Amino acid sequence: QVQLVESGGGLVQPGGSLRLSCAASGIIFSLYNMGWYRQAPGKQPELVADITSGGRTNYAASVKGRFTISRDNAKNTVYLQMNSLKPEDTAVYYCNALRVVVGSANNYWGQGTQVTVSS
């Protein structure tokens, strides 16, 4: 059974920092591209950042320079370090694991963790 368990969300003041973690089980973690998505109330989900199995990273323009995605294959965990947080970063953040091979794709989601940026 595949599980992605996010943690680290919470309430933080503007300008503050949080680190999200996503612990994976039931998959060969090192083979998967990992990503963080978010969905704010009334908005479509959006990609925040992702990191390939080889370690290449990609960021949404809105978070570039403020957020850092990383992975620890030994711990089967992906992280999202969020600095200089803004109220518009408020959303539910979801962890995603994706592996695409010829003819099929394995795509898994965590349950989400709430991040609220407010004074």
C-alpha atoms as a PDB file:
ATOM      1  CA  GLN A   1       0.000   0.000   0.000  1.00  0.00           C
ATOM      2  CA  VAL A   2       1.384   3.362  -1.044  1.00  0.00           C
ATOM      3  CA  GLN A   3       1.322   6.165   1.501  1.00  0.00           C
ATOM      4  CA  LEU A   4       2.493   9.749   1.266  1.00  0.00           C
ATOM      5  CA  VAL A   5       2.289  11.477   4.634  1.00  0.00           C
ATOM      6  CA  GLU A   6       2.801  15.235   4.778  1.00  0.00           C
ATOM      7  CA  SER A   7       3.730  17.151   7.891  1.00  0.00           C
ATOM      8  CA  GLY A   8       5.014  20.558   8.896  1.00  0.00           C
ATOM      9  CA  GLY A   9       2.110  22.787   7.994  1.00  0.00           C
ATOM     10  CA  GLY A  10       0.666  25.383  10.322  1.00  0.00           C
ATOM     11  CA  LEU A  11       0.083  29.047  10.986  1.00  0.00           C
ATOM     12  CA  VAL A  12       2.942  31.463  10.384  1.00  0.00           C
ATOM     13  CA  GLN A  13       3.255  35.214  10.151  1.00  0.00           C
ATOM     14  CA  PRO A  14       4.146  36.929   6.889  1.00  0.00           C
ATOM     15  CA  GLY A  15       7.881  36.782   6.350  1.00  0.00           C
ATOM     16  CA  GLY A  16       8.185  33.600   8.352  1.00  0.00           C
ATOM     17  CA  SER A  17       9.333  30.129   7.373  1.00  0.00           C
ATOM     18  CA  LEU A  18       8.019  26.592   7.396  1.00  0.00           C
ATOM     19  CA  ARG A  19       9.437  23.280   6.261  1.00  0.00           C
ATOM     20  CA  LEU A  20       7.075  20.687   4.878  1.00  0.00           C
ATOM     21  CA  SER A  21       7.999  17.016   4.828  1.00  0.00           C
ATOM     22  CA  CYS A  22       6.477  14.142   2.888  1.00  0.00           C
ATOM     23  CA  ALA A  23       7.386  10.627   3.935  1.00  0.00           C
ATOM     24  CA  ALA A  24       6.715   7.956   1.342  1.00  0.00           C
ATOM     25  CA  SER A  25       6.196   4.244   1.809  1.00  0.00           C
ATOM     26  CA  GLY A  26       5.164   1.432  -0.492  1.00  0.00           C
ATOM     27  CA  ILE A  27       7.128   2.752  -3.474  1.00  0.00           C
ATOM     28  CA  ILE A  28      10.727   2.644  -4.639  1.00  0.00           C
ATOM     29  CA  PHE A  29      11.165   6.277  -3.718  1.00  0.00           C
ATOM     30  CA  SER A  30      14.370   6.873  -5.656  1.00  0.00           C
ATOM     31  CA  LEU A  31      12.631   6.051  -8.938  1.00  0.00           C
ATOM     32  CA  TYR A  32       9.899   8.640  -8.518  1.00  0.00           C
ATOM     33  CA  ASN A  33       9.688  12.294  -9.428  1.00  0.00           C
ATOM     34  CA  MET A  34       8.343  14.117  -6.374  1.00  0.00           C
ATOM     35  CA  GLY A  35       6.348  17.291  -6.299  1.00  0.00           C
ATOM     36  CA  TRP A  36       4.514  19.733  -4.101  1.00  0.00           C
ATOM     37  CA  TYR A  37       1.219  21.188  -5.236  1.00  0.00           C
ATOM     38  CA  ARG A  38      -1.106  23.592  -3.492  1.00  0.00           C
ATOM     39  CA  GLN A  39      -4.713  24.594  -3.664  1.00  0.00           C
ATOM     40  CA  ALA A  40      -6.060  27.786  -2.189  1.00  0.00           C
ATOM     41  CA  PRO A  41      -9.785  28.238  -1.496  1.00  0.00           C
ATOM     42  CA  GLY A  42     -11.670  28.910  -4.698  1.00  0.00           C
ATOM     43  CA  LYS A  43      -8.607  28.377  -6.878  1.00  0.00           C
ATOM     44  CA  GLN A  44      -7.304  25.649  -9.128  1.00  0.00           C
ATOM     45  CA  PRO A  45      -4.484  23.424  -7.867  1.00  0.00           C
ATOM     46  CA  GLU A  46      -1.056  24.550  -8.952  1.00  0.00           C
ATOM     47  CA  LEU A  47       2.396  23.064  -9.042  1.00  0.00           C
ATOM     48  CA  VAL A  48       4.670  24.666  -6.470  1.00  0.00           C
ATOM     49  CA  ALA A  49       7.884  22.738  -7.091  1.00  0.00           C
ATOM     50  CA  ASP A  50       9.078  19.365  -8.206  1.00  0.00           C
ATOM     51  CA  ILE A  51      12.251  17.347  -8.201  1.00  0.00           C
ATOM     52  CA  THR A  52      13.089  14.528 -10.550  1.00  0.00           C
ATOM     53  CA  SER A  53      14.502  11.174  -9.553  1.00  0.00           C
ATOM     54  CA  GLY A  54      17.827  12.547 -10.721  1.00  0.00           C
ATOM     55  CA  GLY A  55      17.565  15.646  -8.557  1.00  0.00           C
ATOM     56  CA  ARG A  56      16.618  18.267 -11.139  1.00  0.00           C
ATOM     57  CA  THR A  57      14.307  20.906  -9.656  1.00  0.00           C
ATOM     58  CA  ASN A  58      11.590  23.126 -11.049  1.00  0.00           C
ATOM     59  CA  TYR A  59       9.678  25.953  -9.368  1.00  0.00           C
ATOM     60  CA  ALA A  60       6.601  28.021  -9.975  1.00  0.00           C
ATOM     61  CA  ALA A  61       7.516  31.609 -10.753  1.00  0.00           C
ATOM     62  CA  SER A  62       5.602  32.789  -7.691  1.00  0.00           C
ATOM     63  CA  VAL A  63       7.864  30.868  -5.284  1.00  0.00           C
ATOM     64  CA  LYS A  64      11.214  30.909  -7.067  1.00  0.00           C
ATOM     65  CA  GLY A  65      13.915  32.262  -4.768  1.00  0.00           C
ATOM     66  CA  ARG A  66      11.777  31.740  -1.662  1.00  0.00           C
ATOM     67  CA  PHE A  67      11.052  27.987  -1.659  1.00  0.00           C
ATOM     68  CA  THR A  68      13.484  25.081  -1.965  1.00  0.00           C
ATOM     69  CA  ILE A  69      12.551  21.502  -2.725  1.00  0.00           C
ATOM     70  CA  SER A  70      14.912  18.686  -1.772  1.00  0.00           C
ATOM     71  CA  ARG A  71      14.821  14.949  -1.302  1.00  0.00           C
ATOM     72  CA  ASP A  72      16.531  12.381   0.886  1.00  0.00           C
ATOM     73  CA  ASN A  73      16.337   9.010  -0.808  1.00  0.00           C
ATOM     74  CA  ALA A  74      17.751   7.265   2.245  1.00  0.00           C
ATOM     75  CA  LYS A  75      14.774   8.509   4.272  1.00  0.00           C
ATOM     76  CA  ASN A  76      12.191   8.241   1.475  1.00  0.00           C
ATOM     77  CA  THR A  77      11.307  11.850   2.160  1.00  0.00           C
ATOM     78  CA  VAL A  78      10.859  15.017   0.136  1.00  0.00           C
ATOM     79  CA  TYR A  79      10.997  18.455   1.717  1.00  0.00           C
ATOM     80  CA  LEU A  80       9.771  21.917   0.881  1.00  0.00           C
ATOM     81  CA  GLN A  81      11.564  24.725   2.674  1.00  0.00           C
ATOM     82  CA  MET A  82       9.404  27.825   2.496  1.00  0.00           C
ATOM     83  CA  ASN A  83      10.926  31.180   3.404  1.00  0.00           C
ATOM     84  CA  SER A  84       9.634  34.740   3.200  1.00  0.00           C
ATOM     85  CA  LEU A  85       6.095  33.466   3.291  1.00  0.00           C
ATOM     86  CA  LYS A  86       3.300  35.679   2.028  1.00  0.00           C
ATOM     87  CA  PRO A  87      -0.443  35.605   2.707  1.00  0.00           C
ATOM     88  CA  GLU A  88      -0.964  34.431  -0.873  1.00  0.00           C
ATOM     89  CA  ASP A  89       0.975  31.262  -0.030  1.00  0.00           C
ATOM     90  CA  THR A  90      -1.951  30.200   2.145  1.00  0.00           C
ATOM     91  CA  ALA A  91      -3.254  26.895   0.793  1.00  0.00           C
ATOM     92  CA  VAL A  92      -3.446  23.173   1.356  1.00  0.00           C
ATOM     93  CA  TYR A  93      -0.162  21.697   0.206  1.00  0.00           C
ATOM     94  CA  TYR A  94      -0.122  18.236  -1.319  1.00  0.00           C
ATOM     95  CA  CYS A  95       2.753  15.874  -1.945  1.00  0.00           C
ATOM     96  CA  ASN A  96       2.844  13.979  -5.236  1.00  0.00           C
ATOM     97  CA  ALA A  97       4.835  10.983  -6.419  1.00  0.00           C
ATOM     98  CA  LEU A  98       4.980  10.284 -10.135  1.00  0.00           C
ATOM     99  CA  ARG A  99       6.706   7.634 -12.168  1.00  0.00           C
ATOM    100  CA  VAL A 100       6.111   7.404 -15.884  1.00  0.00           C
ATOM    101  CA  VAL A 101       7.279   4.383 -17.797  1.00  0.00           C
ATOM    102  CA  VAL A 102       6.449   3.378 -21.320  1.00  0.00           C
ATOM    103  CA  GLY A 103       2.762   2.530 -21.437  1.00  0.00           C
ATOM    104  CA  SER A 104       1.837   3.429 -17.861  1.00  0.00           C
ATOM    105  CA  ALA A 105       2.119   5.947 -15.072  1.00  0.00           C
ATOM    106  CA  ASN A 106       2.041   5.572 -11.314  1.00  0.00           C
ATOM    107  CA  ASN A 107       0.714   8.726  -9.664  1.00  0.00           C
ATOM    108  CA  TYR A 108       0.117   9.062  -5.929  1.00  0.00           C
ATOM    109  CA  TRP A 109      -1.037  11.879  -3.639  1.00  0.00           C
ATOM    110  CA  GLY A 110      -0.799  12.669   0.027  1.00  0.00           C
ATOM    111  CA  GLN A 111      -3.698  13.867   2.150  1.00  0.00           C
ATOM    112  CA  GLY A 112      -2.508  17.467   2.292  1.00  0.00           C
ATOM    113  CA  THR A 113      -1.301  19.808   4.990  1.00  0.00           C
ATOM    114  CA  GLN A 114      -2.684  23.279   5.660  1.00  0.00           C
ATOM    115  CA  VAL A 115      -0.368  26.285   5.476  1.00  0.00           C
ATOM    116  CA  THR A 116      -1.806  29.578   6.673  1.00  0.00           C
ATOM    117  CA  VAL A 117       0.168  32.804   6.431  1.00  0.00           C
ATOM    118  CA  SER A 118      -1.460  35.531   8.458  1.00  0.00           C
ATOM    119  CA  SER A 119      -0.682  38.160  11.033  1.00  0.00           C
END
